[in-house]
Amino acid sequence: MKRGILLALLLFVTAFVLDTWAQSKEADAVVGTWLVEDKKAKIKIYNKGKKYYGKIVWLKEPNDENGKPKVDKENPEESLQGRPLIGLVMLTGFEYDEDNEWEDGDIYDPKNGKTYSCEMTLSEDGKTLDVRGYIGFSFIGRSQTWTRVK
């Protein structure tokens, strides 16, 4: 009897560990570097615990008209206006929600200094990422399709 209970417990724990590992692998499918739709920037998405973030790692035009690295000049917080765009974390707090979707995150747009709610959907082949920023409801917003960088 004890062996049967022990075996059942062992099978349950094994199934739980395998399921958790599979979910983690699916969730990490978004990790990598992405070329934005207008091909002017690359964003590196990474995980931190169970949340996902993204930072600017490349700009087609990294310097301003004076030859200096571009900074976050449109940020509403004056103390942040001098931070470089390269290295800027612009995707924050995404959680994996199955079916190749990450939600409950925010996206910061350095072009206008505004932050929007955001959700991301990975294509079945993992080559493109639909990124939708919105205010309030997801049907009121703007979408882009990013392409994975190899």
N, C-alpha and C. Protein backbone atom coordinates (compact mmCIF):
# COMPACT_ATOMS: atom_id res chain seq x y z
N MET A 1 0.82 -1.20 0.00
CA MET A 1 0.00 0.00 0.00
C MET A 1 0.87 1.26 0.00
N LYS A 2 1.92 1.25 0.87
CA LYS A 2 2.81 2.40 0.95
C LYS A 2 3.54 2.62 -0.38
N ARG A 3 3.93 1.50 -1.01
CA ARG A 3 4.61 1.60 -2.31
C ARG A 3 3.70 2.22 -3.36
N GLY A 4 2.45 1.85 -3.36
CA GLY A 4 1.48 2.41 -4.31
C GLY A 4 1.31 3.90 -4.12
N ILE A 5 1.21 4.34 -2.87
CA ILE A 5 1.07 5.77 -2.58
C ILE A 5 2.34 6.51 -2.98
N LEU A 6 3.48 5.93 -2.64
CA LEU A 6 4.77 6.53 -2.99
C LEU A 6 4.94 6.63 -4.50
N LEU A 7 4.57 5.58 -5.22
CA LEU A 7 4.66 5.57 -6.68
C LEU A 7 3.72 6.63 -7.28
N ALA A 8 2.52 6.72 -6.77
CA ALA A 8 1.56 7.72 -7.26
C ALA A 8 2.09 9.13 -7.01
N LEU A 9 2.65 9.35 -5.83
CA LEU A 9 3.22 10.66 -5.50
C LEU A 9 4.39 10.98 -6.42
N LEU A 10 5.24 10.01 -6.67
CA LEU A 10 6.38 10.19 -7.56
C LEU A 10 5.92 10.53 -8.98
N LEU A 11 4.92 9.84 -9.47
CA LEU A 11 4.38 10.12 -10.81
C LEU A 11 3.78 11.52 -10.88
N PHE A 12 3.08 11.92 -9.83
CA PHE A 12 2.48 13.26 -9.79
C PHE A 12 3.57 14.33 -9.83
N VAL A 13 4.60 14.18 -9.01
CA VAL A 13 5.70 15.15 -8.96
C VAL A 13 6.41 15.20 -10.31
N THR A 14 6.66 14.06 -10.92
CA THR A 14 7.32 14.01 -12.23
C THR A 14 6.49 14.72 -13.29
N ALA A 15 5.19 14.47 -13.30
CA ALA A 15 4.30 15.12 -14.26
C ALA A 15 4.30 16.63 -14.05
N PHE A 16 4.28 17.06 -12.79
CA PHE A 16 4.28 18.50 -12.49
C PHE A 16 5.57 19.15 -12.97
N VAL A 17 6.71 18.53 -12.69
CA VAL A 17 8.01 19.07 -13.11
C VAL A 17 8.09 19.15 -14.63
N LEU A 18 7.68 18.10 -15.32
CA LEU A 18 7.72 18.10 -16.79
C LEU A 18 6.80 19.17 -17.37
N ASP A 19 5.62 19.34 -16.80
CA ASP A 19 4.68 20.36 -17.27
C ASP A 19 5.25 21.75 -17.05
N THR A 20 5.84 22.00 -15.88
CA THR A 20 6.45 23.29 -15.59
C THR A 20 7.60 23.57 -16.55
N TRP A 21 8.42 22.56 -16.82
CA TRP A 21 9.54 22.73 -17.76
C TRP A 21 9.02 23.05 -19.15
N ALA A 22 7.97 22.37 -19.60
CA ALA A 22 7.41 22.61 -20.93
C ALA A 22 6.84 24.01 -21.03
N GLN A 23 6.13 24.48 -19.99
CA GLN A 23 5.58 25.84 -20.00
C GLN A 23 6.69 26.86 -20.03
N SER A 24 7.76 26.60 -19.28
CA SER A 24 8.89 27.53 -19.26
C SER A 24 9.54 27.62 -20.64
N LYS A 25 9.67 26.49 -21.31
CA LYS A 25 10.26 26.46 -22.65
C LYS A 25 9.39 27.24 -23.63
N GLU A 26 8.07 27.06 -23.55
CA GLU A 26 7.14 27.81 -24.41
C GLU A 26 7.24 29.30 -24.12
N ALA A 27 7.27 29.66 -22.84
CA ALA A 27 7.32 31.06 -22.45
C ALA A 27 8.60 31.72 -22.96
N ASP A 28 9.70 30.99 -22.94
CA ASP A 28 10.98 31.55 -23.38
C ASP A 28 11.11 31.62 -24.90
N ALA A 29 10.12 31.17 -25.63
CA ALA A 29 10.19 31.22 -27.10
C ALA A 29 10.31 32.65 -27.62
N VAL A 30 9.88 33.63 -26.86
CA VAL A 30 9.94 35.03 -27.27
C VAL A 30 11.33 35.64 -27.05
N VAL A 31 12.16 34.96 -26.26
CA VAL A 31 13.49 35.47 -25.96
C VAL A 31 14.33 35.52 -27.22
N GLY A 32 15.03 36.63 -27.42
CA GLY A 32 15.88 36.80 -28.58
C GLY A 32 15.91 38.24 -29.02
N THR A 33 16.47 38.48 -30.18
CA THR A 33 16.59 39.84 -30.72
C THR A 33 15.63 39.99 -31.89
N TRP A 34 14.93 41.13 -31.91
CA TRP A 34 13.87 41.40 -32.89
C TRP A 34 14.12 42.71 -33.60
N LEU A 35 13.93 42.69 -34.92
CA LEU A 35 14.01 43.90 -35.75
C LEU A 35 12.61 44.49 -35.83
N VAL A 36 12.48 45.76 -35.43
CA VAL A 36 11.15 46.39 -35.45
C VAL A 36 10.69 46.61 -36.88
N GLU A 37 9.40 46.90 -37.02
CA GLU A 37 8.78 46.94 -38.35
C GLU A 37 9.43 47.93 -39.32
N ASP A 38 9.83 49.12 -38.83
CA ASP A 38 10.43 50.10 -39.74
C ASP A 38 11.93 49.87 -39.95
N LYS A 39 12.45 48.80 -39.34
CA LYS A 39 13.85 48.38 -39.49
C LYS A 39 14.86 49.41 -38.98
N LYS A 40 14.43 50.25 -38.02
CA LYS A 40 15.31 51.28 -37.48
C LYS A 40 15.88 50.93 -36.11
N ALA A 41 15.42 49.80 -35.53
CA ALA A 41 15.91 49.41 -34.21
C ALA A 41 15.81 47.91 -34.04
N LYS A 42 16.65 47.40 -33.13
CA LYS A 42 16.58 46.00 -32.72
C LYS A 42 16.36 45.98 -31.21
N ILE A 43 15.44 45.11 -30.80
CA ILE A 43 15.07 44.97 -29.40
C ILE A 43 15.44 43.57 -28.93
N LYS A 44 16.14 43.50 -27.83
CA LYS A 44 16.49 42.19 -27.25
C LYS A 44 15.51 41.91 -26.12
N ILE A 45 14.75 40.80 -26.27
CA ILE A 45 13.79 40.39 -25.25
C ILE A 45 14.45 39.31 -24.40
N TYR A 46 14.31 39.47 -23.09
CA TYR A 46 14.92 38.55 -22.14
C TYR A 46 13.96 38.31 -20.98
N ASN A 47 14.21 37.24 -20.23
CA ASN A 47 13.36 36.99 -19.07
C ASN A 47 14.11 37.32 -17.80
N LYS A 48 13.33 37.71 -16.83
CA LYS A 48 13.83 38.02 -15.49
C LYS A 48 12.82 37.38 -14.55
N GLY A 49 13.16 36.19 -14.06
CA GLY A 49 12.17 35.42 -13.30
C GLY A 49 11.12 34.91 -14.26
N LYS A 50 9.86 35.21 -13.98
CA LYS A 50 8.77 34.78 -14.86
C LYS A 50 8.23 35.92 -15.70
N LYS A 51 8.93 37.04 -15.72
CA LYS A 51 8.49 38.20 -16.50
C LYS A 51 9.49 38.45 -17.62
N TYR A 52 9.01 39.15 -18.65
CA TYR A 52 9.81 39.39 -19.85
C TYR A 52 9.95 40.88 -20.09
N TYR A 53 11.16 41.26 -20.53
CA TYR A 53 11.52 42.64 -20.75
C TYR A 53 12.23 42.75 -22.09
N GLY A 54 12.32 43.97 -22.60
CA GLY A 54 13.03 44.18 -23.86
C GLY A 54 13.76 45.50 -23.84
N LYS A 55 14.97 45.51 -24.37
CA LYS A 55 15.76 46.74 -24.43
C LYS A 55 16.30 46.97 -25.83
N ILE A 56 16.52 48.22 -26.14
CA ILE A 56 17.07 48.61 -27.43
C ILE A 56 18.55 48.22 -27.45
N VAL A 57 18.95 47.44 -28.45
CA VAL A 57 20.36 47.03 -28.55
C VAL A 57 21.04 47.54 -29.82
N TRP A 58 20.25 48.10 -30.74
CA TRP A 58 20.81 48.60 -32.00
C TRP A 58 19.87 49.64 -32.58
N LEU A 59 20.44 50.69 -33.13
CA LEU A 59 19.68 51.70 -33.86
C LEU A 59 20.33 51.91 -35.22
N LYS A 60 19.53 52.03 -36.24
CA LYS A 60 20.06 52.28 -37.58
C LYS A 60 20.82 53.60 -37.60
N GLU A 61 20.28 54.57 -36.89
CA GLU A 61 20.94 55.88 -36.75
C GLU A 61 21.14 56.14 -35.26
N PRO A 62 22.25 55.67 -34.70
CA PRO A 62 22.45 55.76 -33.25
C PRO A 62 22.82 57.16 -32.75
N ASN A 63 23.26 58.03 -33.66
CA ASN A 63 23.70 59.36 -33.26
C ASN A 63 22.76 60.45 -33.76
N ASP A 64 22.73 61.56 -33.01
CA ASP A 64 21.89 62.69 -33.40
C ASP A 64 22.61 63.53 -34.46
N GLU A 65 22.02 64.67 -34.81
CA GLU A 65 22.59 65.53 -35.85
C GLU A 65 23.95 66.11 -35.47
N ASN A 66 24.30 66.08 -34.18
CA ASN A 66 25.60 66.58 -33.71
C ASN A 66 26.63 65.46 -33.56
N GLY A 67 26.25 64.23 -33.94
CA GLY A 67 27.17 63.10 -33.86
C GLY A 67 27.24 62.47 -32.48
N LYS A 68 26.35 62.88 -31.58
CA LYS A 68 26.34 62.31 -30.23
C LYS A 68 25.28 61.21 -30.14
N PRO A 69 25.50 60.22 -29.27
CA PRO A 69 24.50 59.15 -29.13
C PRO A 69 23.13 59.72 -28.79
N LYS A 70 22.10 59.19 -29.45
CA LYS A 70 20.73 59.64 -29.19
C LYS A 70 20.34 59.30 -27.75
N VAL A 71 19.56 60.24 -27.17
CA VAL A 71 19.11 60.08 -25.79
C VAL A 71 17.58 60.14 -25.74
N ASP A 72 17.05 59.84 -24.58
CA ASP A 72 15.60 59.77 -24.34
C ASP A 72 15.03 61.18 -24.11
N LYS A 73 15.22 62.07 -25.08
CA LYS A 73 14.87 63.49 -24.91
C LYS A 73 13.38 63.77 -24.77
N GLU A 74 12.51 62.85 -25.19
CA GLU A 74 11.06 63.07 -25.10
C GLU A 74 10.46 62.57 -23.79
N ASN A 75 11.29 62.00 -22.92
CA ASN A 75 10.79 61.47 -21.66
C ASN A 75 10.19 62.59 -20.83
N PRO A 76 8.99 62.39 -20.27
CA PRO A 76 8.36 63.44 -19.46
C PRO A 76 9.11 63.72 -18.15
N GLU A 77 9.92 62.77 -17.69
CA GLU A 77 10.72 63.00 -16.49
C GLU A 77 12.06 63.60 -16.90
N GLU A 78 12.25 64.83 -16.54
CA GLU A 78 13.46 65.56 -16.95
C GLU A 78 14.74 64.83 -16.57
N SER A 79 14.75 64.17 -15.42
CA SER A 79 15.95 63.48 -14.96
C SER A 79 16.33 62.29 -15.86
N LEU A 80 15.39 61.81 -16.70
CA LEU A 80 15.65 60.67 -17.58
C LEU A 80 15.95 61.08 -19.02
N GLN A 81 15.85 62.33 -19.32
CA GLN A 81 16.01 62.79 -20.70
C GLN A 81 17.43 62.65 -21.25
N GLY A 82 18.40 62.45 -20.41
CA GLY A 82 19.78 62.30 -20.87
C GLY A 82 20.24 60.86 -21.00
N ARG A 83 19.37 59.91 -20.70
CA ARG A 83 19.81 58.51 -20.78
C ARG A 83 19.85 58.06 -22.24
N PRO A 84 20.88 57.28 -22.58
CA PRO A 84 21.03 56.82 -23.97
C PRO A 84 19.88 55.91 -24.39
N LEU A 85 19.51 55.98 -25.69
CA LEU A 85 18.48 55.09 -26.20
C LEU A 85 18.98 53.66 -26.30
N ILE A 86 20.23 53.49 -26.70
CA ILE A 86 20.77 52.13 -26.75
C ILE A 86 20.96 51.65 -25.32
N GLY A 87 20.33 50.52 -25.01
CA GLY A 87 20.33 49.99 -23.65
C GLY A 87 19.06 50.31 -22.89
N LEU A 88 18.22 51.18 -23.46
CA LEU A 88 16.97 51.58 -22.81
C LEU A 88 15.98 50.43 -22.76
N VAL A 89 15.47 50.12 -21.58
CA VAL A 89 14.45 49.07 -21.43
C VAL A 89 13.11 49.69 -21.81
N MET A 90 12.52 49.18 -22.89
CA MET A 90 11.26 49.74 -23.38
C MET A 90 10.08 48.78 -23.26
N LEU A 91 10.33 47.50 -23.04
CA LEU A 91 9.27 46.51 -22.79
C LEU A 91 9.44 46.07 -21.34
N THR A 92 8.35 46.10 -20.56
CA THR A 92 8.47 45.75 -19.15
C THR A 92 7.29 44.89 -18.68
N GLY A 93 7.60 43.92 -17.82
CA GLY A 93 6.61 43.19 -17.05
C GLY A 93 5.68 42.24 -17.77
N PHE A 94 6.07 41.70 -18.91
CA PHE A 94 5.19 40.78 -19.65
C PHE A 94 5.16 39.41 -18.97
N GLU A 95 3.99 38.79 -19.01
CA GLU A 95 3.81 37.45 -18.49
C GLU A 95 3.28 36.55 -19.60
N TYR A 96 3.78 35.32 -19.62
CA TYR A 96 3.33 34.36 -20.62
C TYR A 96 1.94 33.87 -20.26
N ASP A 97 1.05 33.83 -21.26
CA ASP A 97 -0.33 33.42 -21.01
C ASP A 97 -0.77 32.35 -22.01
N GLU A 98 0.12 31.39 -22.27
CA GLU A 98 -0.17 30.28 -23.18
C GLU A 98 -0.51 30.75 -24.60
N ASP A 99 -0.63 29.81 -25.48
CA ASP A 99 -0.98 30.07 -26.88
C ASP A 99 -0.09 31.14 -27.53
N ASN A 100 1.20 31.13 -27.20
CA ASN A 100 2.16 32.07 -27.79
C ASN A 100 1.80 33.53 -27.55
N GLU A 101 1.22 33.84 -26.38
CA GLU A 101 0.85 35.21 -26.05
C GLU A 101 1.52 35.65 -24.75
N TRP A 102 2.00 36.90 -24.76
CA TRP A 102 2.57 37.53 -23.59
C TRP A 102 1.76 38.79 -23.35
N GLU A 103 1.32 38.99 -22.12
CA GLU A 103 0.44 40.13 -21.86
C GLU A 103 0.75 40.76 -20.50
N ASP A 104 -0.06 41.76 -20.16
CA ASP A 104 0.08 42.51 -18.90
C ASP A 104 1.40 43.25 -18.82
N GLY A 105 1.97 43.61 -19.98
CA GLY A 105 3.21 44.36 -20.00
C GLY A 105 2.97 45.78 -20.49
N ASP A 106 4.04 46.54 -20.53
CA ASP A 106 4.00 47.91 -21.02
C ASP A 106 5.08 48.10 -22.07
N ILE A 107 4.82 49.03 -22.98
CA ILE A 107 5.82 49.41 -23.98
C ILE A 107 6.00 50.92 -23.91
N TYR A 108 7.25 51.33 -23.86
CA TYR A 108 7.60 52.75 -23.84
C TYR A 108 8.02 53.16 -25.24
N ASP A 109 7.47 54.27 -25.74
CA ASP A 109 7.81 54.78 -27.06
C ASP A 109 8.71 55.99 -26.90
N PRO A 110 10.01 55.84 -27.14
CA PRO A 110 10.93 56.97 -26.95
C PRO A 110 10.71 58.10 -27.95
N LYS A 111 9.94 57.85 -29.02
CA LYS A 111 9.66 58.91 -29.99
C LYS A 111 8.74 59.97 -29.42
N ASN A 112 7.85 59.56 -28.49
CA ASN A 112 6.93 60.54 -27.91
C ASN A 112 6.96 60.57 -26.38
N GLY A 113 7.75 59.71 -25.76
CA GLY A 113 7.88 59.71 -24.32
C GLY A 113 6.69 59.12 -23.58
N LYS A 114 5.85 58.35 -24.27
CA LYS A 114 4.66 57.79 -23.63
C LYS A 114 4.79 56.28 -23.44
N THR A 115 4.10 55.79 -22.42
CA THR A 115 4.07 54.37 -22.12
C THR A 115 2.65 53.86 -22.33
N TYR A 116 2.55 52.69 -22.97
CA TYR A 116 1.26 52.09 -23.30
C TYR A 116 1.18 50.68 -22.74
N SER A 117 -0.03 50.21 -22.46
CA SER A 117 -0.23 48.80 -22.17
C SER A 117 0.12 48.05 -23.44
N CYS A 118 0.53 46.79 -23.30
CA CYS A 118 1.00 46.08 -24.48
C CYS A 118 0.78 44.58 -24.33
N GLU A 119 0.59 43.93 -25.47
CA GLU A 119 0.55 42.47 -25.54
C GLU A 119 1.32 42.04 -26.77
N MET A 120 1.87 40.84 -26.72
CA MET A 120 2.67 40.33 -27.83
C MET A 120 2.21 38.92 -28.16
N THR A 121 2.19 38.61 -29.47
CA THR A 121 1.82 37.28 -29.93
C THR A 121 2.89 36.79 -30.89
N LEU A 122 3.43 35.61 -30.59
CA LEU A 122 4.47 35.00 -31.42
C LEU A 122 3.82 34.13 -32.48
N SER A 123 4.31 34.23 -33.71
CA SER A 123 3.80 33.38 -34.79
C SER A 123 4.13 31.92 -34.50
N GLU A 124 3.40 31.02 -35.14
CA GLU A 124 3.61 29.59 -34.93
C GLU A 124 5.04 29.16 -35.25
N ASP A 125 5.63 29.76 -36.30
CA ASP A 125 6.99 29.37 -36.68
C ASP A 125 8.06 30.11 -35.87
N GLY A 126 7.65 31.06 -35.01
CA GLY A 126 8.58 31.77 -34.15
C GLY A 126 9.41 32.83 -34.84
N LYS A 127 9.06 33.16 -36.09
CA LYS A 127 9.87 34.10 -36.86
C LYS A 127 9.38 35.55 -36.76
N THR A 128 8.11 35.74 -36.40
CA THR A 128 7.58 37.09 -36.28
C THR A 128 6.85 37.24 -34.94
N LEU A 129 6.81 38.49 -34.48
CA LEU A 129 6.17 38.82 -33.21
C LEU A 129 5.25 40.01 -33.44
N ASP A 130 3.95 39.81 -33.19
CA ASP A 130 3.00 40.91 -33.30
C ASP A 130 2.96 41.62 -31.95
N VAL A 131 3.27 42.91 -31.97
CA VAL A 131 3.34 43.73 -30.77
C VAL A 131 2.23 44.77 -30.86
N ARG A 132 1.36 44.81 -29.86
CA ARG A 132 0.23 45.75 -29.88
C ARG A 132 0.25 46.61 -28.63
N GLY A 133 0.45 47.91 -28.83
CA GLY A 133 0.38 48.88 -27.75
C GLY A 133 -0.99 49.54 -27.76
N TYR A 134 -1.53 49.82 -26.57
CA TYR A 134 -2.87 50.39 -26.51
C TYR A 134 -3.07 51.16 -25.21
N ILE A 135 -4.14 51.95 -25.22
CA ILE A 135 -4.57 52.69 -24.04
C ILE A 135 -5.94 52.14 -23.65
N GLY A 136 -6.05 51.60 -22.47
CA GLY A 136 -7.34 51.10 -22.00
C GLY A 136 -7.69 49.73 -22.55
N PHE A 137 -8.24 49.70 -23.74
CA PHE A 137 -8.69 48.45 -24.36
C PHE A 137 -7.80 48.12 -25.54
N SER A 138 -7.50 46.83 -25.73
CA SER A 138 -6.55 46.44 -26.77
C SER A 138 -7.04 46.73 -28.19
N PHE A 139 -8.36 46.90 -28.38
CA PHE A 139 -8.83 47.19 -29.73
C PHE A 139 -8.61 48.66 -30.12
N ILE A 140 -8.21 49.49 -29.14
CA ILE A 140 -7.87 50.89 -29.43
C ILE A 140 -6.36 51.00 -29.28
N GLY A 141 -5.65 50.82 -30.36
CA GLY A 141 -4.20 50.86 -30.26
C GLY A 141 -3.54 50.73 -31.61
N ARG A 142 -2.26 50.40 -31.55
CA ARG A 142 -1.45 50.29 -32.77
C ARG A 142 -0.62 49.02 -32.70
N SER A 143 -0.50 48.36 -33.83
CA SER A 143 0.26 47.10 -33.88
C SER A 143 1.44 47.22 -34.82
N GLN A 144 2.46 46.43 -34.54
CA GLN A 144 3.62 46.27 -35.40
C GLN A 144 3.96 44.80 -35.45
N THR A 145 4.59 44.39 -36.54
CA THR A 145 5.11 43.04 -36.64
C THR A 145 6.64 43.14 -36.65
N TRP A 146 7.26 42.50 -35.69
CA TRP A 146 8.71 42.47 -35.59
C TRP A 146 9.21 41.14 -36.14
N THR A 147 10.44 41.15 -36.65
CA THR A 147 11.04 39.97 -37.25
C THR A 147 12.23 39.51 -36.41
N ARG A 148 12.30 38.20 -36.16
CA ARG A 148 13.41 37.67 -35.38
C ARG A 148 14.72 37.83 -36.13
N VAL A 149 15.75 38.25 -35.41
CA VAL A 149 17.10 38.38 -35.95
C VAL A 149 17.84 37.09 -35.63
N LYS A 150 18.48 36.50 -36.63
CA LYS A 150 19.19 35.23 -36.42
C LYS A 150 20.54 35.46 -35.80
